[in-house]
Amino acid sequence: MCAEMNSLFPLDEAEKYLRGIFAGLVRDEYALEWPDRDGKTTLRVEHVDVKTRDGLLVKEVVRLNHSSPVLEPLTAIAGQMNRWATLSSLTSATGGCSAGLTCQVGIFAPDSAAAEDVYAPLLCTEAAIMGWHAARLARAQFQVDPDSSPLYRTAEVTPYGETDFHTCLQHAHNMRLFANADEHALTAEMPWDPGAVSNMFRVMEAGPELTAEDGRSQEDLEQMGGRTCLLWLTANEPHALYGNGVLSRLELPLPVHGPSAEALVNELNQWELSTPDLPPLFGAWCLGPRAPTFVSFFPNAMCVPGLLVNLLYWNRVRAARVREWVGEQGSAEH
C-alpha cells in the first residue's frame, strides 16, 4: 500500500485487477504498464495540485494510453476513426502520451469516492479492452460479434430505464436546460449563442402566441432560438463491437464538412489532453453525421451507478468550455 498512500485513485486495486488479465504487467510507483496486442498500455497517476479558475484543486491526473505502431497511420484520419470510440480518443503524440488511444480524468481533492466508485471501474474496464479495440481499428474490423469482444453482458438489456432517464431529465431542468426524455433516451440543448434555449424557438409559427402569453418580444424569441449544442444519451443504439450500453453524443452547431472541420476535431482532442481541469476525457471528438461531435460509448460492463447524471454534468461543462475555446481561437465558424 505504500505507493498508494497519497493517491486518490485506487492504484493498488487497479493493479490487482489488471494483473489478473495481463501477466506481463509491471509497476513503477504510480504507473502500471503491460504489453497488449500490437503495442503497450500504460495507466499512470500524476500528482499535479493545480487550482482551477473556480478555486478548486485538481489533485491528480490519471491517464490511460495504448500506443502501437499500427495506430500511427490512423491518427491522420482520427476524425473518422473516433466514431467507434468507447472511452478513448485516437490522437497523435501529445501531453506526454504516445500516439494512440488515450483517456484521462482529473481528480479533485475531495473526490476519493468518485475515484473509487466511478473513475476506477471505467478506466480499468477500458484498460482491459484498449489493445483489442486498437487491433480492430488497425485491421478495419468495424463490426464483429460482440460476444467475441473481451467484455461480458454484451447482449443484456442496458441497466437504465425510464426512472433513470427521468431522474437525469430532472437534473437537466434544474440546470434550466430545454430537455426531453423517455424510457430509452434523453436529449438536452445547451446554449452556444448567448441566451439560446432551443431550436424550437426558430419555429416562428408559435411566435405571436408566446409573445402574447409570456410578454416576450420577437427579439427575445430570436435570441432563445439561437444555436445550441445538442446532447443525446441513448440506451438503445448498440455499439458495433461491444453490443448494448449507453451512447453519448454532444453535437456542436458548427460545420461538419471540409478540412477545417477535420482540423477542429483533432485540435479539440489535443486540447482536452492539455489541461487537467476539464471534464473526464471519456470519449473522443469526431466528425459525426451532422456536426462535430464528442462521442462516448459505455458498454454494459461500464454502466456504473449514476452514469447518466454524470454524463449530463460532464457534457454541460464541456459544451461551455468548448464554446470559450473556439471563441478564443477566433474560430466560431471554424
Protein backbone atom coordinates (compact mmCIF):
# COMPACT_ATOMS: atom_id res chain seq x y z
CA MET A 1 0.00 0.00 0.00
CA CYS A 2 2.96 2.37 0.33
CA ALA A 3 2.84 3.63 -3.23
CA GLU A 4 -0.85 4.42 -2.95
CA MET A 5 -0.91 6.31 0.35
CA ASN A 6 -1.00 9.77 -1.25
CA SER A 7 -3.15 8.81 -4.23
CA LEU A 8 -6.89 9.36 -4.52
CA PHE A 9 -7.05 6.86 -7.37
CA PRO A 10 -7.03 3.27 -6.02
CA LEU A 11 -3.95 2.15 -7.94
CA ASP A 12 -3.35 -0.94 -5.79
CA GLU A 13 -6.81 -2.27 -6.60
CA ALA A 14 -6.38 -1.39 -10.27
CA GLU A 15 -3.09 -3.31 -10.28
CA LYS A 16 -4.70 -6.41 -8.78
CA TYR A 17 -7.50 -6.35 -11.33
CA LEU A 18 -5.31 -5.74 -14.37
CA ARG A 19 -2.59 -8.18 -13.30
CA GLY A 20 -5.25 -10.88 -13.41
CA ILE A 21 -5.74 -10.09 -17.11
CA PHE A 22 -2.24 -9.12 -18.26
CA ALA A 23 0.51 -11.40 -16.95
CA GLY A 24 3.25 -9.07 -18.20
CA LEU A 25 2.14 -6.09 -16.12
CA VAL A 26 4.87 -4.19 -14.26
CA ARG A 27 4.51 -1.37 -11.76
CA ASP A 28 6.78 1.64 -11.33
CA GLU A 29 5.48 3.57 -8.31
CA TYR A 30 2.46 5.45 -9.75
CA ALA A 31 2.41 3.74 -13.16
CA LEU A 32 1.27 0.37 -14.47
CA GLU A 33 2.49 -0.86 -17.88
CA TRP A 34 1.96 -4.05 -19.84
CA PRO A 35 2.33 -5.44 -23.38
CA ASP A 36 -1.03 -5.56 -25.12
CA ARG A 37 -1.74 -6.99 -28.59
CA ASP A 38 0.25 -4.90 -31.11
CA GLY A 39 1.62 -2.41 -28.58
CA LYS A 40 1.70 -1.47 -24.91
CA THR A 41 -0.73 0.11 -22.47
CA THR A 42 0.11 2.42 -19.57
CA LEU A 43 -2.03 3.58 -16.66
CA ARG A 44 -0.34 6.48 -14.86
CA VAL A 45 -1.31 8.64 -11.89
CA GLU A 46 0.34 12.07 -11.90
CA HIS A 47 0.14 14.36 -8.87
CA VAL A 48 -0.43 17.90 -10.14
CA ASP A 49 -2.03 20.13 -7.43
CA VAL A 50 -3.49 22.56 -9.99
CA LYS A 51 -6.09 25.14 -8.97
CA THR A 52 -8.96 25.77 -11.36
CA ARG A 53 -10.33 29.22 -12.11
CA ASP A 54 -13.13 28.38 -9.66
CA GLY A 55 -10.61 27.88 -6.88
CA LEU A 56 -10.97 24.09 -6.78
CA LEU A 57 -7.91 21.87 -6.52
CA VAL A 58 -7.17 19.16 -9.08
CA LYS A 59 -5.04 16.82 -7.03
CA GLU A 60 -4.04 14.30 -9.68
CA VAL A 61 -4.50 13.30 -13.31
CA VAL A 62 -5.00 9.69 -14.30
CA ARG A 63 -4.07 8.87 -17.91
CA LEU A 64 -4.65 5.63 -19.75
CA ASN A 65 -2.73 5.30 -23.00
CA HIS A 66 -2.35 2.49 -25.54
CA SER A 67 0.41 3.07 -28.08
CA SER A 68 1.07 0.90 -31.09
CA PRO A 69 2.85 1.32 -34.44
CA VAL A 70 -0.28 0.07 -36.21
CA LEU A 71 -2.26 3.05 -34.90
CA GLU A 72 0.10 5.78 -36.03
CA PRO A 73 -1.11 5.87 -39.69
CA LEU A 74 -4.70 6.11 -38.44
CA THR A 75 -4.12 9.32 -36.49
CA ALA A 76 -4.22 11.19 -39.81
CA ILE A 77 -7.90 10.23 -40.14
CA ALA A 78 -8.75 10.33 -36.44
CA GLY A 79 -11.84 12.44 -37.14
CA GLN A 80 -13.44 9.44 -38.84
CA MET A 81 -11.89 6.66 -36.75
CA ASN A 82 -13.05 8.16 -33.46
CA ARG A 83 -16.66 7.45 -34.43
CA TRP A 84 -16.06 3.98 -32.97
CA ALA A 85 -14.77 5.39 -29.66
CA THR A 86 -15.66 3.95 -26.30
CA LEU A 87 -13.82 5.95 -23.61
CA SER A 88 -10.60 6.63 -25.54
CA SER A 89 -9.60 9.17 -28.15
CA LEU A 90 -7.29 8.35 -31.06
CA THR A 91 -4.71 11.14 -31.17
CA SER A 92 -1.16 11.84 -32.24
CA ALA A 93 1.51 12.19 -29.54
CA THR A 94 0.63 14.95 -27.08
CA GLY A 95 0.66 15.86 -23.39
CA GLY A 96 3.20 13.18 -22.50
CA CYS A 97 1.14 10.49 -24.24
CA SER A 98 2.29 8.45 -27.22
CA ALA A 99 0.29 8.38 -30.43
CA GLY A 100 -2.60 6.00 -29.95
CA LEU A 101 -5.69 5.66 -27.79
CA THR A 102 -5.89 7.85 -24.69
CA CYS A 103 -8.37 8.80 -22.00
CA GLN A 104 -7.82 10.77 -18.82
CA VAL A 105 -9.52 12.27 -15.81
CA GLY A 106 -8.53 14.99 -13.39
CA ILE A 107 -9.43 14.10 -9.80
CA PHE A 108 -10.37 16.94 -7.47
CA ALA A 109 -9.12 16.99 -3.89
CA PRO A 110 -12.36 15.77 -2.22
CA ASP A 111 -13.23 13.22 -4.94
CA SER A 112 -11.88 9.97 -3.48
CA ALA A 113 -15.38 8.42 -3.65
CA ALA A 114 -15.71 9.31 -7.34
CA ALA A 115 -12.19 7.98 -7.97
CA GLU A 116 -13.08 4.62 -6.42
CA ASP A 117 -16.71 4.21 -7.49
CA VAL A 118 -16.75 5.82 -10.96
CA TYR A 119 -13.32 6.54 -12.45
CA ALA A 120 -11.52 3.34 -11.42
CA PRO A 121 -14.19 0.91 -12.74
CA LEU A 122 -14.42 2.83 -16.02
CA LEU A 123 -10.67 3.15 -16.55
CA CYS A 124 -9.92 -0.45 -15.59
CA THR A 125 -12.59 -1.82 -17.91
CA GLU A 126 -11.32 0.43 -20.71
CA ALA A 127 -7.77 -0.76 -20.00
CA ALA A 128 -8.92 -4.35 -20.46
CA ILE A 129 -10.24 -3.69 -23.99
CA MET A 130 -7.92 -0.99 -25.38
CA GLY A 131 -5.45 -3.28 -27.11
CA TRP A 132 -8.23 -5.39 -28.59
CA HIS A 133 -10.04 -2.23 -29.75
CA ALA A 134 -6.86 -0.85 -31.34
CA ALA A 135 -6.31 -4.13 -33.18
CA ARG A 136 -9.85 -3.99 -34.61
CA LEU A 137 -9.34 -0.41 -35.85
CA ALA A 138 -5.97 -1.25 -37.39
CA ARG A 139 -7.47 -4.19 -39.25
CA ALA A 140 -10.58 -2.26 -40.35
CA GLN A 141 -12.82 -4.64 -38.42
CA PHE A 142 -15.50 -2.12 -37.54
CA GLN A 143 -18.25 -4.65 -36.82
CA VAL A 144 -17.90 -8.03 -35.10
CA ASP A 145 -19.98 -10.33 -32.94
CA PRO A 146 -19.90 -8.53 -29.56
CA ASP A 147 -19.62 -11.91 -27.82
CA SER A 148 -16.12 -12.18 -29.33
CA SER A 149 -15.04 -8.98 -27.56
CA PRO A 150 -13.26 -9.09 -24.17
CA LEU A 151 -16.43 -7.83 -22.46
CA TYR A 152 -19.35 -9.65 -20.88
CA ARG A 153 -23.11 -8.86 -20.72
CA THR A 154 -22.96 -7.53 -24.29
CA ALA A 155 -26.44 -8.85 -25.18
CA GLU A 156 -28.15 -7.98 -21.89
CA VAL A 157 -30.60 -5.11 -21.64
CA THR A 158 -28.76 -1.93 -20.66
CA PRO A 159 -29.34 -1.39 -16.90
CA TYR A 160 -31.00 2.04 -17.21
CA GLY A 161 -34.66 2.60 -17.86
CA GLU A 162 -37.42 5.17 -17.62
CA THR A 163 -36.75 6.06 -13.97
CA ASP A 164 -33.05 6.67 -14.63
CA PHE A 165 -33.64 8.84 -17.70
CA HIS A 166 -36.33 10.87 -15.97
CA THR A 167 -34.03 11.42 -12.96
CA CYS A 168 -31.48 12.73 -15.44
CA LEU A 169 -34.20 14.88 -17.01
CA GLN A 170 -34.94 16.49 -13.65
CA HIS A 171 -31.28 17.40 -13.29
CA ALA A 172 -31.37 18.92 -16.78
CA HIS A 173 -34.41 21.01 -15.82
CA ASN A 174 -32.63 22.11 -12.65
CA MET A 175 -29.87 23.42 -14.93
CA ARG A 176 -32.57 25.31 -16.87
CA LEU A 177 -31.90 23.29 -20.00
CA PHE A 178 -34.51 22.51 -22.64
CA ALA A 179 -34.66 18.71 -22.40
CA ASN A 180 -36.85 15.66 -23.03
CA ALA A 181 -36.65 12.00 -22.01
CA ASP A 182 -38.36 8.66 -22.41
CA GLU A 183 -37.55 5.15 -21.22
CA HIS A 184 -34.58 4.82 -23.61
CA ALA A 185 -33.08 8.26 -24.11
CA LEU A 186 -32.55 11.87 -23.07
CA THR A 187 -31.93 14.91 -25.24
CA ALA A 188 -30.84 18.27 -23.86
CA GLU A 189 -29.90 21.53 -25.58
CA MET A 190 -27.08 23.62 -24.16
CA PRO A 191 -26.55 27.26 -25.16
CA TRP A 192 -23.94 28.14 -27.76
CA ASP A 193 -25.18 31.61 -28.68
CA PRO A 194 -25.87 33.93 -25.70
CA GLY A 195 -29.41 33.43 -24.43
CA ALA A 196 -30.09 30.44 -26.69
CA VAL A 197 -32.53 27.86 -25.31
CA SER A 198 -33.73 25.62 -28.13
CA ASN A 199 -34.00 25.39 -31.88
CA MET A 200 -37.74 25.02 -31.23
CA PHE A 201 -37.97 28.79 -30.91
CA ARG A 202 -36.90 29.16 -34.53
CA VAL A 203 -40.36 27.86 -35.48
CA MET A 204 -41.92 31.27 -35.75
CA GLU A 205 -45.50 29.95 -36.14
CA ALA A 206 -45.62 29.89 -32.33
CA GLY A 207 -44.11 33.37 -32.04
CA PRO A 208 -47.27 35.51 -31.65
CA GLU A 209 -48.78 33.18 -29.04
CA LEU A 210 -45.57 33.09 -26.98
CA THR A 211 -45.06 36.83 -27.11
CA ALA A 212 -48.66 37.44 -26.09
CA GLU A 213 -48.75 34.90 -23.25
CA ASP A 214 -45.29 35.40 -21.75
CA GLY A 215 -44.62 39.04 -22.51
CA ARG A 216 -41.59 38.17 -24.65
CA SER A 217 -40.60 40.32 -27.59
CA GLN A 218 -39.83 38.98 -31.03
CA GLU A 219 -36.18 39.79 -30.30
CA ASP A 220 -36.36 37.61 -27.16
CA LEU A 221 -37.68 34.70 -29.20
CA GLU A 222 -34.97 35.09 -31.80
CA GLN A 223 -32.34 35.02 -29.06
CA MET A 224 -33.94 31.96 -27.45
CA GLY A 225 -33.87 30.26 -30.85
CA GLY A 226 -30.11 30.77 -31.22
CA ARG A 227 -27.61 28.00 -31.75
CA THR A 228 -27.35 25.25 -29.14
CA CYS A 229 -25.24 22.15 -28.55
CA LEU A 230 -27.35 19.00 -28.58
CA LEU A 231 -26.67 16.19 -26.10
CA TRP A 232 -28.09 12.74 -26.80
CA LEU A 233 -27.92 9.92 -24.25
CA THR A 234 -29.39 6.70 -25.60
CA ALA A 235 -29.56 3.13 -24.32
CA ASN A 236 -30.99 1.52 -27.46
CA GLU A 237 -28.19 2.05 -30.01
CA PRO A 238 -25.73 -0.87 -29.68
CA HIS A 239 -22.03 -0.48 -30.45
CA ALA A 240 -20.81 -2.44 -33.47
CA LEU A 241 -18.06 -4.06 -31.38
CA TYR A 242 -19.46 -4.22 -27.83
CA GLY A 243 -23.21 -4.66 -28.11
CA ASN A 244 -25.51 -2.91 -25.63
CA GLY A 245 -24.68 0.08 -23.46
CA VAL A 246 -25.09 3.85 -23.33
CA LEU A 247 -24.19 6.05 -26.29
CA SER A 248 -23.45 9.71 -25.54
CA ARG A 249 -23.16 12.35 -28.29
CA LEU A 250 -22.59 16.08 -27.85
CA GLU A 251 -23.07 17.87 -31.19
CA LEU A 252 -21.65 21.34 -31.80
CA PRO A 253 -23.58 23.79 -34.05
CA LEU A 254 -20.63 24.06 -36.45
CA PRO A 255 -19.97 22.82 -40.00
CA VAL A 256 -19.01 19.18 -40.36
CA HIS A 257 -17.68 19.29 -43.93
CA GLY A 258 -14.32 20.38 -45.25
CA PRO A 259 -10.73 20.28 -43.95
CA SER A 260 -11.41 22.87 -41.26
CA ALA A 261 -13.90 20.52 -39.55
CA GLU A 262 -11.34 17.70 -39.53
CA ALA A 263 -8.76 20.07 -38.09
CA LEU A 264 -11.20 21.26 -35.45
CA VAL A 265 -11.96 17.81 -34.01
CA ASN A 266 -8.25 16.90 -33.98
CA GLU A 267 -7.42 20.15 -32.19
CA LEU A 268 -10.21 19.56 -29.67
CA ASN A 269 -8.86 16.12 -28.76
CA GLN A 270 -5.39 17.60 -28.28
CA TRP A 271 -6.82 20.45 -26.20
CA GLU A 272 -8.76 18.07 -23.95
CA LEU A 273 -5.49 16.35 -23.05
CA SER A 274 -3.67 19.62 -22.41
CA THR A 275 -5.39 20.73 -19.21
CA PRO A 276 -6.37 18.82 -16.05
CA ASP A 277 -9.48 20.83 -15.12
CA LEU A 278 -11.78 19.78 -17.97
CA PRO A 279 -14.43 17.06 -17.55
CA PRO A 280 -13.13 13.49 -17.91
CA LEU A 281 -11.87 12.72 -21.40
CA PHE A 282 -14.04 9.64 -21.65
CA GLY A 283 -14.69 9.58 -25.38
CA ALA A 284 -13.45 11.48 -28.41
CA TRP A 285 -14.23 14.34 -30.75
CA CYS A 286 -15.10 13.07 -34.20
CA LEU A 287 -16.83 14.06 -37.42
CA GLY A 288 -20.41 12.98 -36.76
CA PRO A 289 -23.02 12.62 -39.50
CA ARG A 290 -24.44 16.11 -38.77
CA ALA A 291 -21.86 18.01 -36.73
CA PRO A 292 -18.51 17.87 -34.94
CA THR A 293 -19.41 15.52 -32.09
CA PHE A 294 -17.98 14.36 -28.77
CA VAL A 295 -18.91 10.68 -28.70
CA SER A 296 -18.61 8.14 -25.89
CA PHE A 297 -19.89 4.61 -25.61
CA PHE A 298 -20.22 2.85 -22.25
CA PRO A 299 -20.79 -0.88 -22.79
CA ASN A 300 -22.94 -2.69 -20.23
CA ALA A 301 -19.81 -3.68 -18.32
CA MET A 302 -19.09 0.04 -17.76
CA CYS A 303 -22.59 1.07 -16.67
CA VAL A 304 -21.76 2.23 -13.14
CA PRO A 305 -24.46 3.74 -10.87
CA GLY A 306 -25.19 7.39 -11.62
CA LEU A 307 -23.57 7.31 -15.05
CA LEU A 308 -26.38 9.15 -16.87
CA VAL A 309 -26.35 12.10 -14.47
CA ASN A 310 -22.56 12.25 -14.60
CA LEU A 311 -22.69 12.35 -18.40
CA LEU A 312 -25.16 15.22 -18.27
CA TYR A 313 -22.97 17.30 -15.97
CA TRP A 314 -19.72 16.44 -17.76
CA ASN A 315 -21.16 17.43 -21.13
CA ARG A 316 -22.77 20.60 -19.77
CA VAL A 317 -19.34 21.78 -18.62
CA ARG A 318 -17.70 20.51 -21.83
CA ALA A 319 -20.15 22.48 -24.01
CA ALA A 320 -19.43 25.71 -22.11
CA ARG A 321 -15.66 25.25 -22.14
CA VAL A 322 -15.54 24.29 -25.82
CA ARG A 323 -17.55 27.39 -26.71
CA GLU A 324 -14.99 29.53 -24.86
CA TRP A 325 -12.08 27.73 -26.51
CA VAL A 326 -13.47 28.09 -30.01
CA GLY A 327 -14.06 31.80 -29.36
CA GLU A 328 -10.50 32.22 -28.09
CA GLN A 329 -9.18 30.61 -31.29
CA GLY A 330 -11.17 33.09 -33.33
CA SER A 331 -12.85 30.12 -34.95
CA ALA A 332 -16.51 30.45 -34.07
CA GLU A 333 -17.43 29.12 -37.52
CA HIS A 334 -14.12 27.21 -37.96
